[in-house]
Protein backbone atom coordinates (compact mmCIF):
# COMPACT_ATOMS: atom_id res chain seq x y z
CA MET A 1 -106.62 41.47 151.44
CA VAL A 2 -110.22 41.31 151.49
CA LEU A 3 -112.03 39.81 148.40
CA LYS A 4 -115.99 39.87 148.18
CA LYS A 5 -117.60 36.94 147.13
CA MET A 6 -119.49 38.16 144.91
CA ASN A 7 -117.11 40.75 143.05
CA LYS A 8 -114.41 39.55 142.52
CA VAL A 9 -112.38 43.57 141.74
CA VAL A 10 -109.08 44.54 142.06
CA LYS A 11 -107.46 47.08 142.55
CA ASN A 12 -103.24 47.83 142.40
CA ASN A 13 -101.20 50.46 141.47
CA ASN A 14 -104.74 52.46 140.52
CA LYS A 15 -105.25 50.04 138.34
CA THR A 16 -108.27 47.70 138.36
CA ILE A 17 -108.17 44.13 137.46
CA THR A 18 -112.26 42.59 137.09
CA LEU A 19 -112.34 39.05 137.76
CA SER A 20 -114.69 36.54 136.82
CA GLU A 21 -116.95 34.61 139.93
CA ASN A 22 -116.61 31.35 138.77
CA ARG A 23 -112.59 31.40 137.29
CA GLU A 24 -110.67 32.80 138.74
CA THR A 25 -109.17 31.32 142.96
CA LYS A 26 -107.89 33.00 145.36
CA GLU A 27 -104.60 32.21 144.30
CA GLU A 28 -105.04 32.98 141.21
CA CYS A 29 -106.35 36.69 142.00
CA HIS A 30 -102.87 36.09 144.29
CA LYS A 31 -100.19 35.91 141.84
CA LEU A 32 -101.87 38.53 139.22
CA ILE A 33 -100.99 40.96 141.75
CA ARG A 34 -98.11 39.47 142.25
CA GLU A 35 -97.24 39.69 138.45
CA LYS A 36 -98.65 43.31 138.18
CA ASP A 37 -96.13 44.52 141.46
CA ILE A 38 -92.99 42.79 139.18
CA LEU A 39 -94.26 44.32 136.29
CA TYR A 40 -94.81 47.48 137.89
CA PHE A 41 -90.84 47.15 139.99
CA ILE A 42 -89.21 46.45 136.86
CA LYS A 43 -90.17 49.05 134.29
CA GLU A 44 -88.61 51.74 137.92
CA ILE A 45 -85.70 49.72 137.62
CA ALA A 46 -86.09 50.17 133.70
CA LYS A 47 -86.22 53.71 134.01
CA ALA A 48 -83.14 54.42 136.97
CA LEU A 49 -81.21 51.43 134.98
CA VAL A 50 -81.02 53.78 131.80
CA SER A 51 -79.83 56.73 133.67
CA THR A 52 -77.12 55.23 135.63
CA SER A 53 -73.49 56.92 134.92
CA SER A 54 -71.54 53.34 136.34
CA ILE A 55 -71.41 49.98 136.75
CA GLU A 56 -70.88 50.80 139.92
CA GLU A 57 -74.10 52.08 140.44
CA MET A 58 -76.67 49.92 138.10
CA SER A 59 -74.90 46.85 139.42
CA LYS A 60 -76.36 47.77 143.13
CA ILE A 61 -79.91 49.17 141.52
CA VAL A 62 -79.73 45.65 139.91
CA TYR A 63 -78.84 43.45 143.18
CA ASN A 64 -80.58 45.62 145.64
CA PHE A 65 -84.31 45.19 143.42
CA LEU A 66 -83.30 40.80 143.53
CA ARG A 67 -82.72 40.17 147.27
CA ASP A 68 -85.80 42.79 147.95
CA SER A 69 -87.59 40.53 145.43
CA TYR A 70 -86.14 36.59 146.20
CA GLY A 71 -84.07 37.40 149.22
CA GLU A 72 -80.45 37.34 150.30
CA CYS A 73 -78.41 36.78 146.96
CA THR A 74 -75.11 37.31 144.91
CA ILE A 75 -74.99 39.47 141.33
CA GLY A 76 -72.32 40.34 138.91
CA ILE A 77 -72.17 42.72 136.03
CA ALA A 78 -68.71 42.23 134.11
CA VAL A 79 -67.61 43.83 130.99
CA ASN A 80 -66.61 41.97 127.88
CA TYR A 81 -63.24 43.87 126.57
CA PRO A 82 -62.58 41.38 123.55
CA LYS A 83 -59.32 42.78 121.53
CA GLU A 84 -57.87 42.39 125.25
CA LYS A 85 -59.45 38.60 125.13
CA ARG A 86 -60.48 39.33 129.12
CA ILE A 87 -63.33 40.49 131.20
CA SER A 88 -63.31 42.81 134.30
CA ASP A 89 -64.31 45.87 135.35
CA CYS A 90 -66.73 43.08 137.30
CA PHE A 91 -69.20 44.09 139.73
CA PHE A 92 -70.14 42.08 142.26
CA PHE A 93 -72.62 42.09 145.57
CA GLU A 94 -73.71 40.22 148.51
CA LYS A 95 -74.91 41.26 151.32
CA ASN A 96 -75.02 44.73 150.27
CA GLU A 97 -71.36 44.79 149.83
CA ARG A 98 -68.88 44.34 147.16
CA LEU A 99 -66.59 41.43 146.40
CA ASP A 100 -62.94 41.66 145.28
CA PHE A 101 -63.08 40.23 141.23
CA GLU A 102 -60.19 39.33 139.33
CA GLU A 103 -60.87 40.12 135.86
CA ILE A 104 -61.01 37.08 134.01
CA LEU A 105 -58.44 35.89 131.00
CA TYR A 106 -60.17 34.34 127.72
CA SER A 107 -57.89 31.16 127.98
CA GLU A 108 -59.60 30.11 131.32
CA GLY A 109 -62.39 28.81 128.92
CA SER A 110 -65.28 26.85 130.04
CA ALA A 111 -64.11 27.23 134.19
CA SER A 112 -65.47 30.21 133.64
CA LYS A 113 -69.42 30.13 132.98
CA LEU A 114 -69.93 33.95 132.95
CA LEU A 115 -66.84 33.73 130.81
CA LYS A 116 -68.71 30.79 128.86
CA ALA A 117 -72.42 32.69 128.75
CA VAL A 118 -70.30 35.63 126.47
CA LEU A 119 -67.97 33.67 124.44
CA ASP A 120 -71.26 31.17 123.65
CA LYS A 121 -73.75 34.47 123.74
CA LYS A 122 -76.06 32.10 125.84
CA GLU A 123 -77.75 31.81 128.87
CA TYR A 124 -76.86 28.47 131.02
CA ILE A 125 -78.70 28.04 134.58
CA TYR A 126 -77.49 25.59 137.13
CA GLU A 127 -78.96 24.30 139.56
CA LYS A 128 -79.04 21.79 142.14
CA HIS A 129 -75.86 20.23 141.15
CA THR A 130 -74.14 24.59 140.60
CA ARG A 131 -71.53 22.82 143.99
CA GLU A 132 -70.25 19.17 141.39
CA GLY A 133 -69.15 21.76 138.99
CA PRO A 134 -66.88 24.37 138.25
CA ALA A 135 -65.46 27.00 140.74
CA VAL A 136 -67.47 29.48 138.76
CA PHE A 137 -68.72 32.11 141.56
CA ILE A 138 -66.76 33.98 144.82
CA GLY A 139 -68.30 34.15 148.62
CA ARG A 140 -70.59 31.76 149.65
CA ILE A 141 -71.34 28.14 147.03
CA PRO A 142 -74.78 29.28 145.50
CA THR A 143 -77.16 27.03 145.42
CA ALA A 144 -78.39 27.90 141.75
CA THR A 145 -77.19 30.22 139.58
CA TYR A 146 -77.65 31.89 136.34
CA PHE A 147 -75.00 33.23 133.59
CA THR A 148 -76.02 35.23 131.02
CA PRO A 149 -74.43 37.95 127.81
CA LEU A 150 -75.45 41.00 127.63
CA ILE A 151 -75.64 41.80 124.00
CA ILE A 152 -76.35 45.27 122.33
CA GLU A 153 -75.70 44.82 118.21
CA LYS A 154 -75.23 41.57 117.97
CA ASP A 155 -71.78 41.97 120.28
CA ALA A 156 -71.37 40.64 123.69
CA ILE A 157 -70.45 43.42 125.56
CA GLY A 158 -70.73 41.96 129.17
CA ALA A 159 -72.29 38.85 131.49
CA PHE A 160 -74.59 39.22 134.05
CA THR A 161 -74.75 36.72 137.30
CA PHE A 162 -78.14 35.92 139.49
CA GLN A 163 -76.84 33.90 142.28
CA ILE A 164 -79.67 32.24 145.58
CA TYR A 165 -78.94 30.39 148.70
CA GLU A 166 -81.99 29.42 149.87
CA ARG A 167 -83.29 26.87 147.60
CA ASP A 168 -81.89 24.53 144.11
CA THR A 169 -83.58 26.04 141.39
CA PHE A 170 -84.79 29.49 140.41
CA SER A 171 -88.63 29.76 139.86
CA ILE A 172 -89.89 30.67 136.75
CA GLU A 173 -90.85 34.33 138.47
CA GLN A 174 -87.01 34.66 138.95
CA ILE A 175 -85.73 33.72 135.27
CA GLU A 176 -88.64 35.44 133.69
CA VAL A 177 -87.78 38.95 135.55
CA CYS A 178 -83.31 38.88 134.79
CA ARG A 179 -84.81 38.41 131.32
CA GLU A 180 -86.88 41.29 132.39
CA LEU A 181 -83.89 43.39 132.52
CA ILE A 182 -81.18 41.93 131.07
CA PRO A 183 -82.36 44.63 127.82
CA PHE A 184 -82.14 47.38 130.14
CA MET A 185 -78.92 46.26 131.78
CA SER A 186 -77.41 45.76 128.45
CA ILE A 187 -78.63 49.05 127.23
CA ALA A 188 -77.06 51.00 131.19
CA LEU A 189 -73.95 48.78 130.70
CA ASN A 190 -73.96 50.51 126.73
CA ASN A 191 -74.06 53.83 127.77
CA THR A 192 -71.79 53.38 129.95
CA LEU A 193 -69.40 52.30 128.21
CA GLN A 194 -70.22 55.35 125.91
CA ASN A 195 -69.63 57.29 128.27
CA LYS A 196 -66.78 56.48 129.45
CA LYS A 197 -65.35 56.67 125.71
CA ILE A 198 -66.28 60.16 125.45
CA LEU A 199 -64.59 60.53 128.73
CA MET A 200 -61.41 60.02 127.81
CA ALA A 201 -61.57 61.23 124.49
CA ASN A 202 -62.51 64.75 126.03
CA LYS A 203 -59.76 64.60 129.00
CA ILE A 204 -57.03 63.48 125.90
CA LEU A 205 -58.65 67.14 123.81
CA GLU A 206 -58.24 68.97 127.16
CA LYS A 207 -54.52 67.46 127.78
CA TYR A 208 -53.61 68.53 123.96
CA SER A 209 -55.03 71.96 124.33
CA LYS A 210 -53.14 73.14 127.41
CA TYR A 211 -50.09 71.32 126.86
CA ASP A 212 -47.21 70.89 124.53
CA ASP A 213 -46.95 67.61 123.42
CA LEU A 214 -43.62 67.38 123.44
CA THR A 215 -42.01 68.45 126.29
CA GLY A 216 -45.55 68.12 129.01
CA ILE A 217 -45.57 71.45 130.06
CA TYR A 218 -47.98 74.16 129.36
CA ASN A 219 -48.34 75.56 125.83
CA ARG A 220 -48.51 79.39 125.27
CA ARG A 221 -51.88 80.32 124.87
CA PHE A 222 -52.51 77.67 127.84
CA PHE A 223 -49.68 79.78 129.87
CA TYR A 224 -51.45 82.79 128.83
CA GLU A 225 -54.69 81.99 130.09
CA SER A 226 -52.72 80.46 133.64
CA PHE A 227 -50.65 82.96 134.16
CA ASP A 228 -52.93 85.82 133.07
CA LYS A 229 -55.35 84.97 135.87
CA ILE A 230 -52.57 84.51 138.55
CA TYR A 231 -51.05 88.25 137.53
CA LYS A 232 -53.85 89.87 138.30
CA LYS A 233 -55.06 88.72 141.29
CA SER A 234 -50.66 89.24 142.21
CA ILE A 235 -51.04 92.81 141.57
CA LEU A 236 -54.37 93.45 143.29
CA LYS A 237 -51.99 92.28 146.01
CA GLY A 238 -49.60 94.20 146.25
CA GLU A 239 -47.06 91.26 145.11
CA LYS A 240 -44.00 91.53 142.88
CA VAL A 241 -44.36 89.65 139.33
CA PHE A 242 -41.62 88.71 136.76
CA LEU A 243 -42.21 87.04 133.84
CA TYR A 244 -39.56 85.18 131.99
CA LEU A 245 -38.54 84.23 128.11
CA MET A 246 -35.80 82.06 127.29
CA ASP A 247 -33.63 80.50 124.20
CA LEU A 248 -31.56 77.83 123.55
CA ASN A 249 -28.53 79.05 122.46
CA ASN A 250 -26.99 77.07 119.11
CA PHE A 251 -30.04 75.34 119.03
CA LYS A 252 -30.06 75.17 115.47
CA GLY A 253 -26.60 74.02 115.50
CA VAL A 254 -28.26 70.80 117.54
CA ASN A 255 -30.65 69.94 114.92
CA ASP A 256 -27.87 70.23 112.10
CA ASN A 257 -25.27 68.56 113.73
CA PHE A 258 -27.22 66.09 115.42
CA GLY A 259 -30.31 65.34 114.38
CA HIS A 260 -34.23 66.40 115.44
CA PHE A 261 -34.65 63.68 117.30
CA VAL A 262 -31.54 64.97 119.46
CA GLY A 263 -32.62 68.45 119.42
CA ASP A 264 -36.14 66.78 120.97
CA GLU A 265 -34.00 65.41 123.95
CA VAL A 266 -32.55 68.40 124.70
CA LEU A 267 -35.99 70.51 124.34
CA MET A 268 -37.70 67.78 127.19
CA LYS A 269 -34.56 68.00 129.43
CA VAL A 270 -34.65 72.03 129.55
CA ALA A 271 -38.17 71.42 130.16
CA GLU A 272 -37.57 68.94 132.67
CA ILE A 273 -34.99 71.55 134.72
CA LEU A 274 -37.77 74.11 134.86
CA LYS A 275 -40.48 71.93 136.38
CA ARG A 276 -37.54 70.89 138.92
CA LEU A 277 -37.03 74.99 139.23
CA PHE A 278 -40.23 76.84 139.59
CA PHE A 279 -42.12 73.65 141.14
CA ASN A 280 -44.39 75.46 143.47
CA ARG A 281 -43.19 79.36 142.39
CA GLY A 282 -44.80 79.61 139.26
CA GLU A 283 -45.82 78.64 135.90
CA ILE A 284 -44.02 77.69 133.09
CA GLY A 285 -44.39 76.83 129.08
CA ARG A 286 -43.16 76.57 125.40
CA TYR A 287 -43.24 79.33 123.86
CA GLY A 288 -42.48 77.61 120.62
CA GLY A 289 -39.22 77.11 119.16
CA ASP A 290 -36.49 76.62 121.29
CA GLU A 291 -38.32 79.40 123.51
CA PHE A 292 -40.03 78.63 126.98
CA LEU A 293 -42.13 80.37 129.23
CA CYS A 294 -41.57 81.39 132.98
CA GLY A 295 -43.96 83.41 135.40
CA ILE A 296 -43.67 84.18 139.26
CA THR A 297 -44.44 85.85 142.24
CA LYS A 298 -44.28 87.03 145.67
CA THR A 299 -40.48 87.28 144.97
CA SER A 300 -37.87 89.87 144.47
CA LYS A 301 -35.68 91.37 141.97
CA GLU A 302 -32.63 89.41 143.54
CA GLU A 303 -34.60 86.07 143.81
CA ALA A 304 -35.47 86.42 140.54
CA LEU A 305 -32.50 86.75 139.20
CA GLU A 306 -30.92 84.11 141.30
CA LEU A 307 -33.51 81.81 140.68
CA ALA A 308 -32.45 82.74 136.16
CA GLU A 309 -28.79 81.77 137.30
CA LYS A 310 -29.48 78.61 138.72
CA VAL A 311 -31.48 77.96 135.02
CA VAL A 312 -28.13 78.41 132.88
CA ASP A 313 -25.86 76.97 135.49
CA GLU A 314 -28.16 73.48 134.82
CA VAL A 315 -28.86 74.07 131.20
CA SER A 316 -25.17 74.89 130.37
CA ASN A 317 -24.22 71.47 131.94
CA LEU A 318 -26.03 69.09 129.61
CA ASP A 319 -24.27 67.03 127.89
CA ILE A 320 -25.20 66.26 124.32
CA TYR A 321 -23.81 63.16 123.01
CA TYR A 322 -24.47 61.28 119.60
CA ASN A 323 -22.86 58.36 117.36
CA ASP A 324 -19.38 59.75 120.26
CA PHE A 325 -19.83 63.11 119.21
CA GLY A 326 -20.46 65.83 122.04
CA GLY A 327 -21.56 69.46 122.51
CA LYS A 328 -22.94 71.29 125.03
CA VAL A 329 -25.69 74.54 125.08
CA GLY A 330 -26.46 77.26 126.88
CA ILE A 331 -29.94 79.53 127.35
CA SER A 332 -30.00 82.85 127.49
CA ILE A 333 -32.78 84.26 129.49
CA GLY A 334 -34.90 88.45 129.63
CA ILE A 335 -36.75 89.14 132.09
CA LEU A 336 -39.83 91.59 132.81
CA GLU A 337 -41.30 92.83 135.88
CA LEU A 338 -44.86 93.11 135.35
CA ASP A 339 -46.09 96.92 137.08
CA SER A 340 -49.74 97.67 136.33
CA LYS A 341 -53.17 95.77 135.61
CA LYS A 342 -52.52 94.95 131.50
CA ASP A 343 -53.45 92.02 129.51
CA LEU A 344 -50.53 89.56 129.93
CA ARG A 345 -49.55 90.39 126.19
CA GLY A 346 -49.21 93.67 125.82
CA TYR A 347 -45.76 93.07 128.18
CA PHE A 348 -44.04 90.94 125.11
CA MET A 349 -42.59 93.79 123.24
CA GLN A 350 -40.41 94.90 126.10
CA LEU A 351 -39.80 90.60 127.39
CA ASP A 352 -38.58 90.51 123.71
CA LYS A 353 -36.55 92.95 123.68
CA ASN A 354 -34.70 92.14 127.25
CA LEU A 355 -34.33 88.30 125.04
CA TYR A 356 -32.37 90.20 122.39
CA ARG A 357 -30.24 91.85 125.20
CA ALA A 358 -29.11 88.82 127.23
CA LYS A 359 -28.29 86.87 123.81
CA LYS A 360 -25.91 89.89 122.28
CA SER A 361 -24.00 90.42 125.28
CA THR A 362 -20.95 89.09 125.37
CA THR A 363 -20.11 89.39 128.99
CA LYS A 364 -23.98 87.49 130.58
CA THR A 365 -27.28 85.85 129.55
CA ILE A 366 -29.39 87.09 131.64
CA PHE A 367 -30.82 90.91 131.04
CA ILE A 368 -34.11 91.99 133.30
CA SER A 369 -35.71 95.13 133.77
């Protein structure tokens, strides 16, 4: 840059700094420009940080900025889990690569400076004598290290470290830049953790909206939704589709004689049998109580009947024991071949009749039509 002797005007980022003729030296002028550049980049980095969606992403942003500004370094961001008394989910970067870093337990105490910063809620700077202190770093041994907590509403939600190698002390600018970034890293980390909690909650809600809590198979509502799509596609292709409605025999007796705890165990075991026999062949769900739904495609009537017979055999071989008393359960199955494009629920009156005939039969426990 050329500085005119009489007109001390510096342009930077489309903004103008006017310097008095006798007040500013060339070195001070460059310092102002440097400070303006840093402040401009901090503003841009802050925008990027608060819009990140993962700890790894925010760690990489900070690492790239500090490395490009001050040379090779190591940075690390970790999450504090006070209930579990540990620091984990650590993302450290050195030489443009992520470093493996195990969780830090509160029991380690001051042996970890990262942990010390979290527990004390204070920043710590170690210069020159860093090599003589406790082992608190990974990768290369740094010559100066900076540790600070990431705090939201007085809670230390995580920690940040900045480590350098080319000089044994930090410049004032390096520390001040880190301090400028800390609030934005704290916000970004907090947003990430909150989003993670929301995602976990949504997964739990999704699970409960689709699956039966006891057996782990589809609930009735989602079975309808899922198998209805499969059935309609199969009908359009001219494939055979069969729907099963199953009901355990004498299940009330199981609950009355052995208790509902044993009854729940029976339902879970029956669900496991259905999962195994219908695996990769169709959908299964709990209709309610001791009744189950199954649907299969791309099969013949003979194969559908054969599959039902396997279910009957395996369920009848289930032994129930409680307090030295034993018993058995059976299962009745109604099967219906679907042959039109109407809604899946429209078949259930006929399907229920088939199940009723199976239960009333004295010779067979399966009725198919």
